[in-house]
Amino acid sequence: MTEARFLFEDDILVGFHLKGHSTESANDDAGRLVCASISSAAYMTANTVTEIVGANAVAEVDEQSGEMLFKVKSDYEQALPILLGFKLHMEQLSNQFTDYIKIISEV
């Protein structure tokens, strides 16, 4: 199961921490699909915030363990719609694939 933890500062969404793989085995087609969907959306979010918006952010990835930490350090207002879009995407994936994704929002 993948755990998606959304990070807030002063009630403002500033990042996310993804942990775990959604696949149980090499034969788990749904899990591989969910994992690929999460990875693609997370990388698009991080790349858009840093390369298009130009916000300063911390990004740490450990593909072996399935962890990704992404946290915005500046330009919060410009990054916020992108982060909210990623959060919405993850919530909708979680609604479709309840056994594969757990959402945690910390305020």
PDB file of N, CA and C in Angstrom:
ATOM      1  N   MET A   1       0.845  -1.180   0.000  1.00  0.00           N
ATOM      2  CA  MET A   1       0.000   0.000   0.000  1.00  0.00           C
ATOM      3  C   MET A   1       0.892   1.245   0.000  1.00  0.00           C
ATOM      4  N   THR A   2       0.453   2.247  -0.730  1.00  0.00           N
ATOM      5  CA  THR A   2       1.149   3.525  -0.747  1.00  0.00           C
ATOM      6  C   THR A   2       0.458   4.472   0.222  1.00  0.00           C
ATOM      7  N   GLU A   3       1.258   5.108   1.065  1.00  0.00           N
ATOM      8  CA  GLU A   3       0.748   6.113   1.986  1.00  0.00           C
ATOM      9  C   GLU A   3       1.112   7.481   1.426  1.00  0.00           C
ATOM     10  N   ALA A   4       0.107   8.318   1.268  1.00  0.00           N
ATOM     11  CA  ALA A   4       0.314   9.683   0.786  1.00  0.00           C
ATOM     12  C   ALA A   4      -0.011  10.635   1.926  1.00  0.00           C
ATOM     13  N   ARG A   5       1.025  11.274   2.440  1.00  0.00           N
ATOM     14  CA  ARG A   5       0.871  12.210   3.557  1.00  0.00           C
ATOM     15  C   ARG A   5       1.039  13.629   3.002  1.00  0.00           C
ATOM     16  N   PHE A   6       0.033  14.474   3.223  1.00  0.00           N
ATOM     17  CA  PHE A   6       0.095  15.849   2.741  1.00  0.00           C
ATOM     18  C   PHE A   6       0.542  16.761   3.870  1.00  0.00           C
ATOM     19  N   LEU A   7       1.489  17.625   3.554  1.00  0.00           N
ATOM     20  CA  LEU A   7       2.152  18.460   4.545  1.00  0.00           C
ATOM     21  C   LEU A   7       1.629  19.890   4.488  1.00  0.00           C
ATOM     22  N   PHE A   8       1.320  20.433   5.632  1.00  0.00           N
ATOM     23  CA  PHE A   8       0.773  21.787   5.743  1.00  0.00           C
ATOM     24  C   PHE A   8       1.627  22.622   6.686  1.00  0.00           C
ATOM     25  N   GLU A   9       1.701  23.909   6.407  1.00  0.00           N
ATOM     26  CA  GLU A   9       2.285  24.897   7.311  1.00  0.00           C
ATOM     27  C   GLU A   9       1.315  26.059   7.381  1.00  0.00           C
ATOM     28  N   ASP A  10       0.901  26.401   8.581  1.00  0.00           N
ATOM     29  CA  ASP A  10      -0.083  27.484   8.772  1.00  0.00           C
ATOM     30  C   ASP A  10      -1.318  27.260   7.900  1.00  0.00           C
ATOM     31  N   ASP A  11      -1.802  26.031   7.889  1.00  0.00           N
ATOM     32  CA  ASP A  11      -3.002  25.637   7.130  1.00  0.00           C
ATOM     33  C   ASP A  11      -2.843  25.747   5.616  1.00  0.00           C
ATOM     34  N   ILE A  12      -1.611  25.864   5.129  1.00  0.00           N
ATOM     35  CA  ILE A  12      -1.356  25.949   3.688  1.00  0.00           C
ATOM     36  C   ILE A  12      -0.635  24.679   3.252  1.00  0.00           C
ATOM     37  N   LEU A  13      -1.132  24.059   2.220  1.00  0.00           N
ATOM     38  CA  LEU A  13      -0.495  22.860   1.680  1.00  0.00           C
ATOM     39  C   LEU A  13       0.864  23.233   1.084  1.00  0.00           C
ATOM     40  N   VAL A  14       1.927  22.606   1.586  1.00  0.00           N
ATOM     41  CA  VAL A  14       3.271  22.950   1.127  1.00  0.00           C
ATOM     42  C   VAL A  14       4.017  21.747   0.533  1.00  0.00           C
ATOM     43  N   GLY A  15       3.423  20.553   0.611  1.00  0.00           N
ATOM     44  CA  GLY A  15       4.138  19.420   0.042  1.00  0.00           C
ATOM     45  C   GLY A  15       3.474  18.090   0.353  1.00  0.00           C
ATOM     46  N   PHE A  16       4.230  17.030   0.075  1.00  0.00           N
ATOM     47  CA  PHE A  16       3.720  15.679   0.293  1.00  0.00           C
ATOM     48  C   PHE A  16       4.872  14.716   0.547  1.00  0.00           C
ATOM     49  N   HIS A  17       4.521  13.612   1.178  1.00  0.00           N
ATOM     50  CA  HIS A  17       5.468  12.522   1.406  1.00  0.00           C
ATOM     51  C   HIS A  17       4.772  11.235   0.993  1.00  0.00           C
ATOM     52  N   LEU A  18       5.306  10.581  -0.008  1.00  0.00           N
ATOM     53  CA  LEU A  18       4.777   9.306  -0.477  1.00  0.00           C
ATOM     54  C   LEU A  18       5.663   8.200   0.060  1.00  0.00           C
ATOM     55  N   LYS A  19       5.038   7.107   0.480  1.00  0.00           N
ATOM     56  CA  LYS A  19       5.811   6.021   1.075  1.00  0.00           C
ATOM     57  C   LYS A  19       5.177   4.682   0.716  1.00  0.00           C
ATOM     58  N   GLY A  20       5.991   3.779   0.221  1.00  0.00           N
ATOM     59  CA  GLY A  20       5.529   2.425  -0.057  1.00  0.00           C
ATOM     60  C   GLY A  20       5.183   2.200  -1.517  1.00  0.00           C
ATOM     61  N   HIS A  21       5.020   0.926  -1.831  1.00  0.00           N
ATOM     62  CA  HIS A  21       4.639   0.518  -3.179  1.00  0.00           C
ATOM     63  C   HIS A  21       3.217  -0.027  -3.147  1.00  0.00           C
ATOM     64  N   SER A  22       2.485   0.200  -4.203  1.00  0.00           N
ATOM     65  CA  SER A  22       1.104  -0.262  -4.270  1.00  0.00           C
ATOM     66  C   SER A  22       0.985  -1.706  -4.738  1.00  0.00           C
ATOM     67  N   THR A  23       2.080  -2.294  -5.152  1.00  0.00           N
ATOM     68  CA  THR A  23       2.031  -3.669  -5.644  1.00  0.00           C
ATOM     69  C   THR A  23       2.366  -4.653  -4.537  1.00  0.00           C
ATOM     70  N   GLU A  24       1.672  -5.753  -4.543  1.00  0.00           N
ATOM     71  CA  GLU A  24       1.955  -6.839  -3.605  1.00  0.00           C
ATOM     72  C   GLU A  24       2.896  -7.860  -4.246  1.00  0.00           C
ATOM     73  N   SER A  25       2.826  -7.966  -5.578  1.00  0.00           N
ATOM     74  CA  SER A  25       3.647  -8.940  -6.287  1.00  0.00           C
ATOM     75  C   SER A  25       3.829  -8.492  -7.733  1.00  0.00           C
ATOM     76  N   ALA A  26       4.681  -9.183  -8.448  1.00  0.00           N
ATOM     77  CA  ALA A  26       4.912  -8.871  -9.858  1.00  0.00           C
ATOM     78  C   ALA A  26       3.662  -9.119 -10.699  1.00  0.00           C
ATOM     79  N   ASN A  27       2.742  -9.937 -10.197  1.00  0.00           N
ATOM     80  CA  ASN A  27       1.522 -10.261 -10.947  1.00  0.00           C
ATOM     81  C   ASN A  27       0.343  -9.349 -10.596  1.00  0.00           C
ATOM     82  N   ASP A  28       0.581  -8.353  -9.776  1.00  0.00           N
ATOM     83  CA  ASP A  28      -0.474  -7.459  -9.333  1.00  0.00           C
ATOM     84  C   ASP A  28      -0.632  -6.304 -10.338  1.00  0.00           C
ATOM     85  N   ASP A  29      -1.413  -6.544 -11.388  1.00  0.00           N
ATOM     86  CA  ASP A  29      -1.579  -5.541 -12.443  1.00  0.00           C
ATOM     87  C   ASP A  29      -2.194  -4.250 -11.928  1.00  0.00           C
ATOM     88  N   ALA A  30      -3.210  -4.337 -11.090  1.00  0.00           N
ATOM     89  CA  ALA A  30      -3.847  -3.128 -10.555  1.00  0.00           C
ATOM     90  C   ALA A  30      -2.856  -2.343  -9.710  1.00  0.00           C
ATOM     91  N   GLY A  31      -2.073  -3.032  -8.892  1.00  0.00           N
ATOM     92  CA  GLY A  31      -1.077  -2.366  -8.062  1.00  0.00           C
ATOM     93  C   GLY A  31      -0.022  -1.660  -8.884  1.00  0.00           C
ATOM     94  N   ARG A  32       0.422  -2.299  -9.963  1.00  0.00           N
ATOM     95  CA  ARG A  32       1.416  -1.665 -10.841  1.00  0.00           C
ATOM     96  C   ARG A  32       0.827  -0.433 -11.514  1.00  0.00           C
ATOM     97  N   LEU A  33      -0.428  -0.509 -11.911  1.00  0.00           N
ATOM     98  CA  LEU A  33      -1.109   0.629 -12.522  1.00  0.00           C
ATOM     99  C   LEU A  33      -1.208   1.791 -11.526  1.00  0.00           C
ATOM    100  N   VAL A  34      -1.597   1.497 -10.302  1.00  0.00           N
ATOM    101  CA  VAL A  34      -1.714   2.530  -9.276  1.00  0.00           C
ATOM    102  C   VAL A  34      -0.344   3.144  -8.989  1.00  0.00           C
ATOM    103  N   CYS A  35       0.674   2.301  -8.843  1.00  0.00           N
ATOM    104  CA  CYS A  35       2.034   2.788  -8.574  1.00  0.00           C
ATOM    105  C   CYS A  35       2.509   3.723  -9.691  1.00  0.00           C
ATOM    106  N   ALA A  36       2.288   3.322 -10.928  1.00  0.00           N
ATOM    107  CA  ALA A  36       2.702   4.155 -12.064  1.00  0.00           C
ATOM    108  C   ALA A  36       1.925   5.466 -12.096  1.00  0.00           C
ATOM    109  N   SER A  37       0.651   5.413 -11.779  1.00  0.00           N
ATOM    110  CA  SER A  37      -0.172   6.630 -11.761  1.00  0.00           C
ATOM    111  C   SER A  37       0.311   7.605 -10.697  1.00  0.00           C
ATOM    112  N   ILE A  38       0.606   7.080  -9.527  1.00  0.00           N
ATOM    113  CA  ILE A  38       1.094   7.921  -8.434  1.00  0.00           C
ATOM    114  C   ILE A  38       2.442   8.531  -8.798  1.00  0.00           C
ATOM    115  N   SER A  39       3.358   7.712  -9.280  1.00  0.00           N
ATOM    116  CA  SER A  39       4.701   8.200  -9.629  1.00  0.00           C
ATOM    117  C   SER A  39       4.639   9.280 -10.698  1.00  0.00           C
ATOM    118  N   SER A  40       3.880   9.032 -11.735  1.00  0.00           N
ATOM    119  CA  SER A  40       3.771   9.993 -12.821  1.00  0.00           C
ATOM    120  C   SER A  40       3.214  11.326 -12.324  1.00  0.00           C
ATOM    121  N   ALA A  41       2.152  11.274 -11.543  1.00  0.00           N
ATOM    122  CA  ALA A  41       1.536  12.504 -11.031  1.00  0.00           C
ATOM    123  C   ALA A  41       2.469  13.239 -10.071  1.00  0.00           C
ATOM    124  N   ALA A  42       3.185  12.488  -9.235  1.00  0.00           N
ATOM    125  CA  ALA A  42       4.100  13.109  -8.268  1.00  0.00           C
ATOM    126  C   ALA A  42       5.256  13.805  -8.975  1.00  0.00           C
ATOM    127  N   TYR A  43       5.854  13.137  -9.960  1.00  0.00           N
ATOM    128  CA  TYR A  43       6.960  13.753 -10.700  1.00  0.00           C
ATOM    129  C   TYR A  43       6.483  14.958 -11.511  1.00  0.00           C
ATOM    130  N   MET A  44       5.303  14.867 -12.099  1.00  0.00           N
ATOM    131  CA  MET A  44       4.775  16.007 -12.847  1.00  0.00           C
ATOM    132  C   MET A  44       4.550  17.194 -11.909  1.00  0.00           C
ATOM    133  N   THR A  45       4.019  16.928 -10.729  1.00  0.00           N
ATOM    134  CA  THR A  45       3.796  17.984  -9.741  1.00  0.00           C
ATOM    135  C   THR A  45       5.117  18.637  -9.344  1.00  0.00           C
ATOM    136  N   ALA A  46       6.091  17.813  -8.976  1.00  0.00           N
ATOM    137  CA  ALA A  46       7.395  18.343  -8.541  1.00  0.00           C
ATOM    138  C   ALA A  46       8.071  19.120  -9.661  1.00  0.00           C
ATOM    139  N   ASN A  47       8.059  18.579 -10.864  1.00  0.00           N
ATOM    140  CA  ASN A  47       8.710  19.253 -11.991  1.00  0.00           C
ATOM    141  C   ASN A  47       8.004  20.560 -12.361  1.00  0.00           C
ATOM    142  N   THR A  48       6.692  20.577 -12.304  1.00  0.00           N
ATOM    143  CA  THR A  48       5.950  21.801 -12.622  1.00  0.00           C
ATOM    144  C   THR A  48       6.235  22.885 -11.589  1.00  0.00           C
ATOM    145  N   VAL A  49       6.227  22.507 -10.318  1.00  0.00           N
ATOM    146  CA  VAL A  49       6.477  23.486  -9.258  1.00  0.00           C
ATOM    147  C   VAL A  49       7.893  24.045  -9.354  1.00  0.00           C
ATOM    148  N   THR A  50       8.878  23.189  -9.603  1.00  0.00           N
ATOM    149  CA  THR A  50      10.264  23.671  -9.607  1.00  0.00           C
ATOM    150  C   THR A  50      10.697  24.251 -10.952  1.00  0.00           C
ATOM    151  N   GLU A  51      10.341  23.610 -12.051  1.00  0.00           N
ATOM    152  CA  GLU A  51      10.849  24.014 -13.363  1.00  0.00           C
ATOM    153  C   GLU A  51       9.971  25.033 -14.087  1.00  0.00           C
ATOM    154  N   ILE A  52       8.680  24.982 -13.877  1.00  0.00           N
ATOM    155  CA  ILE A  52       7.776  25.910 -14.562  1.00  0.00           C
ATOM    156  C   ILE A  52       7.486  27.124 -13.669  1.00  0.00           C
ATOM    157  N   VAL A  53       7.071  26.864 -12.430  1.00  0.00           N
ATOM    158  CA  VAL A  53       6.794  27.956 -11.486  1.00  0.00           C
ATOM    159  C   VAL A  53       8.092  28.581 -10.999  1.00  0.00           C
ATOM    160  N   GLY A  54       9.121  27.763 -10.828  1.00  0.00           N
ATOM    161  CA  GLY A  54      10.405  28.260 -10.354  1.00  0.00           C
ATOM    162  C   GLY A  54      10.502  28.357  -8.844  1.00  0.00           C
ATOM    163  N   ALA A  55       9.627  27.650  -8.143  1.00  0.00           N
ATOM    164  CA  ALA A  55       9.646  27.683  -6.680  1.00  0.00           C
ATOM    165  C   ALA A  55      10.830  26.892  -6.147  1.00  0.00           C
ATOM    166  N   ASN A  56      11.358  27.353  -5.043  1.00  0.00           N
ATOM    167  CA  ASN A  56      12.410  26.638  -4.342  1.00  0.00           C
ATOM    168  C   ASN A  56      11.748  25.506  -3.561  1.00  0.00           C
ATOM    169  N   ALA A  57      12.236  24.291  -3.737  1.00  0.00           N
ATOM    170  CA  ALA A  57      11.633  23.145  -3.062  1.00  0.00           C
ATOM    171  C   ALA A  57      12.691  22.099  -2.757  1.00  0.00           C
ATOM    172  N   VAL A  58      12.372  21.261  -1.792  1.00  0.00           N
ATOM    173  CA  VAL A  58      13.205  20.121  -1.446  1.00  0.00           C
ATOM    174  C   VAL A  58      12.542  18.887  -2.034  1.00  0.00           C
ATOM    175  N   ALA A  59      13.317  18.077  -2.729  1.00  0.00           N
ATOM    176  CA  ALA A  59      12.801  16.828  -3.275  1.00  0.00           C
ATOM    177  C   ALA A  59      13.786  15.711  -2.952  1.00  0.00           C
ATOM    178  N   GLU A  60      13.279  14.666  -2.327  1.00  0.00           N
ATOM    179  CA  GLU A  60      14.094  13.503  -2.004  1.00  0.00           C
ATOM    180  C   GLU A  60      13.359  12.266  -2.495  1.00  0.00           C
ATOM    181  N   VAL A  61      14.072  11.406  -3.210  1.00  0.00           N
ATOM    182  CA  VAL A  61      13.465  10.200  -3.764  1.00  0.00           C
ATOM    183  C   VAL A  61      14.327   8.997  -3.438  1.00  0.00           C
ATOM    184  N   ASP A  62      13.681   7.931  -2.980  1.00  0.00           N
ATOM    185  CA  ASP A  62      14.322   6.640  -2.792  1.00  0.00           C
ATOM    186  C   ASP A  62      13.436   5.614  -3.496  1.00  0.00           C
ATOM    187  N   GLU A  63      13.776   5.314  -4.731  1.00  0.00           N
ATOM    188  CA  GLU A  63      12.933   4.430  -5.536  1.00  0.00           C
ATOM    189  C   GLU A  63      12.875   3.014  -4.980  1.00  0.00           C
ATOM    190  N   GLN A  64      13.942   2.591  -4.317  1.00  0.00           N
ATOM    191  CA  GLN A  64      13.981   1.246  -3.736  1.00  0.00           C
ATOM    192  C   GLN A  64      12.858   1.060  -2.713  1.00  0.00           C
ATOM    193  N   SER A  65      12.727   2.036  -1.811  1.00  0.00           N
ATOM    194  CA  SER A  65      11.706   1.924  -0.765  1.00  0.00           C
ATOM    195  C   SER A  65      10.363   2.515  -1.197  1.00  0.00           C
ATOM    196  N   GLY A  66      10.349   3.198  -2.328  1.00  0.00           N
ATOM    197  CA  GLY A  66       9.114   3.816  -2.800  1.00  0.00           C
ATOM    198  C   GLY A  66       8.778   5.090  -2.057  1.00  0.00           C
ATOM    199  N   GLU A  67       9.797   5.832  -1.645  1.00  0.00           N
ATOM    200  CA  GLU A  67       9.557   7.081  -0.911  1.00  0.00           C
ATOM    201  C   GLU A  67       9.888   8.298  -1.759  1.00  0.00           C
ATOM    202  N   MET A  68       9.043   9.317  -1.615  1.00  0.00           N
ATOM    203  CA  MET A  68       9.303  10.608  -2.236  1.00  0.00           C
ATOM    204  C   MET A  68       8.803  11.685  -1.295  1.00  0.00           C
ATOM    205  N   LEU A  69       9.695  12.610  -0.962  1.00  0.00           N
ATOM    206  CA  LEU A  69       9.342  13.774  -0.160  1.00  0.00           C
ATOM    207  C   LEU A  69       9.479  14.991  -1.049  1.00  0.00           C
ATOM    208  N   PHE A  70       8.454  15.817  -1.066  1.00  0.00           N
ATOM    209  CA  PHE A  70       8.500  17.050  -1.840  1.00  0.00           C
ATOM    210  C   PHE A  70       7.898  18.148  -0.984  1.00  0.00           C
ATOM    211  N   LYS A  71       8.676  19.222  -0.758  1.00  0.00           N
ATOM    212  CA  LYS A  71       8.204  20.307   0.090  1.00  0.00           C
ATOM    213  C   LYS A  71       8.656  21.647  -0.496  1.00  0.00           C
ATOM    214  N   VAL A  72       7.697  22.530  -0.704  1.00  0.00           N
ATOM    215  CA  VAL A  72       7.955  23.856  -1.264  1.00  0.00           C
ATOM    216  C   VAL A  72       8.518  24.762  -0.168  1.00  0.00           C
ATOM    217  N   LYS A  73       9.556  25.527  -0.523  1.00  0.00           N
ATOM    218  CA  LYS A  73      10.205  26.437   0.420  1.00  0.00           C
ATOM    219  C   LYS A  73       9.949  27.912   0.090  1.00  0.00           C
ATOM    220  N   SER A  74       9.441  28.203  -1.114  1.00  0.00           N
ATOM    221  CA  SER A  74       9.150  29.583  -1.512  1.00  0.00           C
ATOM    222  C   SER A  74       8.082  29.573  -2.603  1.00  0.00           C
ATOM    223  N   ASP A  75       7.556  30.745  -2.906  1.00  0.00           N
ATOM    224  CA  ASP A  75       6.528  30.890  -3.961  1.00  0.00           C
ATOM    225  C   ASP A  75       5.314  29.995  -3.698  1.00  0.00           C
ATOM    226  N   TYR A  76       4.868  29.984  -2.435  1.00  0.00           N
ATOM    227  CA  TYR A  76       3.762  29.121  -2.033  1.00  0.00           C
ATOM    228  C   TYR A  76       2.490  29.390  -2.828  1.00  0.00           C
ATOM    229  N   GLU A  77       2.188  30.672  -3.058  1.00  0.00           N
ATOM    230  CA  GLU A  77       0.940  31.014  -3.740  1.00  0.00           C
ATOM    231  C   GLU A  77       0.895  30.458  -5.152  1.00  0.00           C
ATOM    232  N   GLN A  78       2.018  30.513  -5.853  1.00  0.00           N
ATOM    233  CA  GLN A  78       2.048  29.988  -7.220  1.00  0.00           C
ATOM    234  C   GLN A  78       2.041  28.467  -7.234  1.00  0.00           C
ATOM    235  N   ALA A  79       2.648  27.838  -6.233  1.00  0.00           N
ATOM    236  CA  ALA A  79       2.723  26.378  -6.187  1.00  0.00           C
ATOM    237  C   ALA A  79       1.438  25.744  -5.677  1.00  0.00           C
ATOM    238  N   LEU A  80       0.676  26.474  -4.884  1.00  0.00           N
ATOM    239  CA  LEU A  80      -0.504  25.910  -4.229  1.00  0.00           C
ATOM    240  C   LEU A  80      -1.510  25.261  -5.178  1.00  0.00           C
ATOM    241  N   PRO A  81      -1.916  25.891  -6.287  1.00  0.00           N
ATOM    242  CA  PRO A  81      -2.885  25.229  -7.174  1.00  0.00           C
ATOM    243  C   PRO A  81      -2.368  23.887  -7.722  1.00  0.00           C
ATOM    244  N   ILE A  82      -1.084  23.802  -7.956  1.00  0.00           N
ATOM    245  CA  ILE A  82      -0.504  22.565  -8.481  1.00  0.00           C
ATOM    246  C   ILE A  82      -0.534  21.486  -7.401  1.00  0.00           C
ATOM    247  N   LEU A  83      -0.153  21.866  -6.190  1.00  0.00           N
ATOM    248  CA  LEU A  83      -0.197  20.912  -5.073  1.00  0.00           C
ATOM    249  C   LEU A  83      -1.625  20.464  -4.770  1.00  0.00           C
ATOM    250  N   LEU A  84      -2.568  21.401  -4.834  1.00  0.00           N
ATOM    251  CA  LEU A  84      -3.974  21.043  -4.607  1.00  0.00           C
ATOM    252  C   LEU A  84      -4.481  20.103  -5.694  1.00  0.00           C
ATOM    253  N   GLY A  85      -4.040  20.322  -6.926  1.00  0.00           N
ATOM    254  CA  GLY A  85      -4.417  19.417  -8.015  1.00  0.00           C
ATOM    255  C   GLY A  85      -3.875  18.012  -7.786  1.00  0.00           C
ATOM    256  N   PHE A  86      -2.636  17.912  -7.296  1.00  0.00           N
ATOM    257  CA  PHE A  86      -2.058  16.600  -6.987  1.00  0.00           C
ATOM    258  C   PHE A  86      -2.818  15.935  -5.840  1.00  0.00           C
ATOM    259  N   LYS A  87      -3.161  16.709  -4.826  1.00  0.00           N
ATOM    260  CA  LYS A  87      -3.913  16.157  -3.689  1.00  0.00           C
ATOM    261  C   LYS A  87      -5.269  15.628  -4.159  1.00  0.00           C
ATOM    262  N   LEU A  88      -5.965  16.395  -4.974  1.00  0.00           N
ATOM    263  CA  LEU A  88      -7.249  15.963  -5.515  1.00  0.00           C
ATOM    264  C   LEU A  88      -7.092  14.677  -6.332  1.00  0.00           C
ATOM    265  N   HIS A  89      -6.073  14.635  -7.163  1.00  0.00           N
ATOM    266  CA  HIS A  89      -5.800  13.448  -7.979  1.00  0.00           C
ATOM    267  C   HIS A  89      -5.580  12.224  -7.086  1.00  0.00           C
ATOM    268  N   MET A  90      -4.791  12.394  -6.039  1.00  0.00           N
ATOM    269  CA  MET A  90      -4.516  11.281  -5.125  1.00  0.00           C
ATOM    270  C   MET A  90      -5.778  10.840  -4.382  1.00  0.00           C
ATOM    271  N   GLU A  91      -6.604  11.790  -3.981  1.00  0.00           N
ATOM    272  CA  GLU A  91      -7.857  11.438  -3.296  1.00  0.00           C
ATOM    273  C   GLU A  91      -8.781  10.649  -4.220  1.00  0.00           C
ATOM    274  N   GLN A  92      -8.831  11.051  -5.477  1.00  0.00           N
ATOM    275  CA  GLN A  92      -9.685  10.331  -6.422  1.00  0.00           C
ATOM    276  C   GLN A  92      -9.142   8.938  -6.719  1.00  0.00           C
ATOM    277  N   LEU A  93      -7.816   8.819  -6.840  1.00  0.00           N
ATOM    278  CA  LEU A  93      -7.221   7.488  -7.006  1.00  0.00           C
ATOM    279  C   LEU A  93      -7.518   6.619  -5.790  1.00  0.00           C
ATOM    280  N   SER A  94      -7.419   7.207  -4.614  1.00  0.00           N
ATOM    281  CA  SER A  94      -7.680   6.476  -3.373  1.00  0.00           C
ATOM    282  C   SER A  94      -9.127   5.992  -3.311  1.00  0.00           C
ATOM    283  N   ASN A  95     -10.052   6.795  -3.808  1.00  0.00           N
ATOM    284  CA  ASN A  95     -11.457   6.382  -3.839  1.00  0.00           C
ATOM    285  C   ASN A  95     -11.673   5.209  -4.790  1.00  0.00           C
ATOM    286  N   GLN A  96     -10.906   5.165  -5.879  1.00  0.00           N
ATOM    287  CA  GLN A  96     -11.032   4.083  -6.856  1.00  0.00           C
ATOM    288  C   GLN A  96     -10.295   2.823  -6.415  1.00  0.00           C
ATOM    289  N   PHE A  97      -9.165   3.005  -5.751  1.00  0.00           N
ATOM    290  CA  PHE A  97      -8.293   1.887  -5.384  1.00  0.00           C
ATOM    291  C   PHE A  97      -8.051   1.901  -3.879  1.00  0.00           C
ATOM    292  N   THR A  98      -9.119   1.658  -3.120  1.00  0.00           N
ATOM    293  CA  THR A  98      -9.065   1.793  -1.663  1.00  0.00           C
ATOM    294  C   THR A  98      -8.050   0.866  -1.001  1.00  0.00           C
ATOM    295  N   ASP A  99      -7.763  -0.265  -1.593  1.00  0.00           N
ATOM    296  CA  ASP A  99      -6.810  -1.214  -0.999  1.00  0.00           C
ATOM    297  C   ASP A  99      -5.360  -0.885  -1.330  1.00  0.00           C
ATOM    298  N   TYR A 100      -5.131   0.150  -2.117  1.00  0.00           N
ATOM    299  CA  TYR A 100      -3.785   0.447  -2.592  1.00  0.00           C
ATOM    300  C   TYR A 100      -3.210   1.778  -2.085  1.00  0.00           C
ATOM    301  N   ILE A 101      -4.086   2.709  -1.673  1.00  0.00           N
ATOM    302  CA  ILE A 101      -3.632   4.049  -1.292  1.00  0.00           C
ATOM    303  C   ILE A 101      -4.296   4.469   0.010  1.00  0.00           C
ATOM    304  N   LYS A 102      -3.484   5.013   0.910  1.00  0.00           N
ATOM    305  CA  LYS A 102      -3.983   5.596   2.154  1.00  0.00           C
ATOM    306  C   LYS A 102      -3.588   7.070   2.167  1.00  0.00           C
ATOM    307  N   ILE A 103      -4.573   7.954   2.356  1.00  0.00           N
ATOM    308  CA  ILE A 103      -4.335   9.398   2.359  1.00  0.00           C
ATOM    309  C   ILE A 103      -4.306   9.898   3.812  1.00  0.00           C
ATOM    310  N   ILE A 104      -3.285  10.702   4.115  1.00  0.00           N
ATOM    311  CA  ILE A 104      -3.172  11.330   5.431  1.00  0.00           C
ATOM    312  C   ILE A 104      -2.925  12.813   5.203  1.00  0.00           C
ATOM    313  N   SER A 105      -3.777  13.651   5.793  1.00  0.00           N
ATOM    314  CA  SER A 105      -3.590  15.110   5.703  1.00  0.00           C
ATOM    315  C   SER A 105      -3.292  15.619   7.103  1.00  0.00           C
ATOM    316  N   GLU A 106      -2.166  16.274   7.237  1.00  0.00           N
ATOM    317  CA  GLU A 106      -1.771  16.843   8.525  1.00  0.00           C
ATOM    318  C   GLU A 106      -1.871  18.356   8.464  1.00  0.00           C
ATOM    319  N   VAL A 107      -2.666  18.904   9.343  1.00  0.00           N
ATOM    320  CA  VAL A 107      -2.805  20.364   9.397  1.00  0.00           C
ATOM    321  C   VAL A 107      -2.174  20.865  10.673  1.00  0.00           C
TER     322      VAL A 107
END
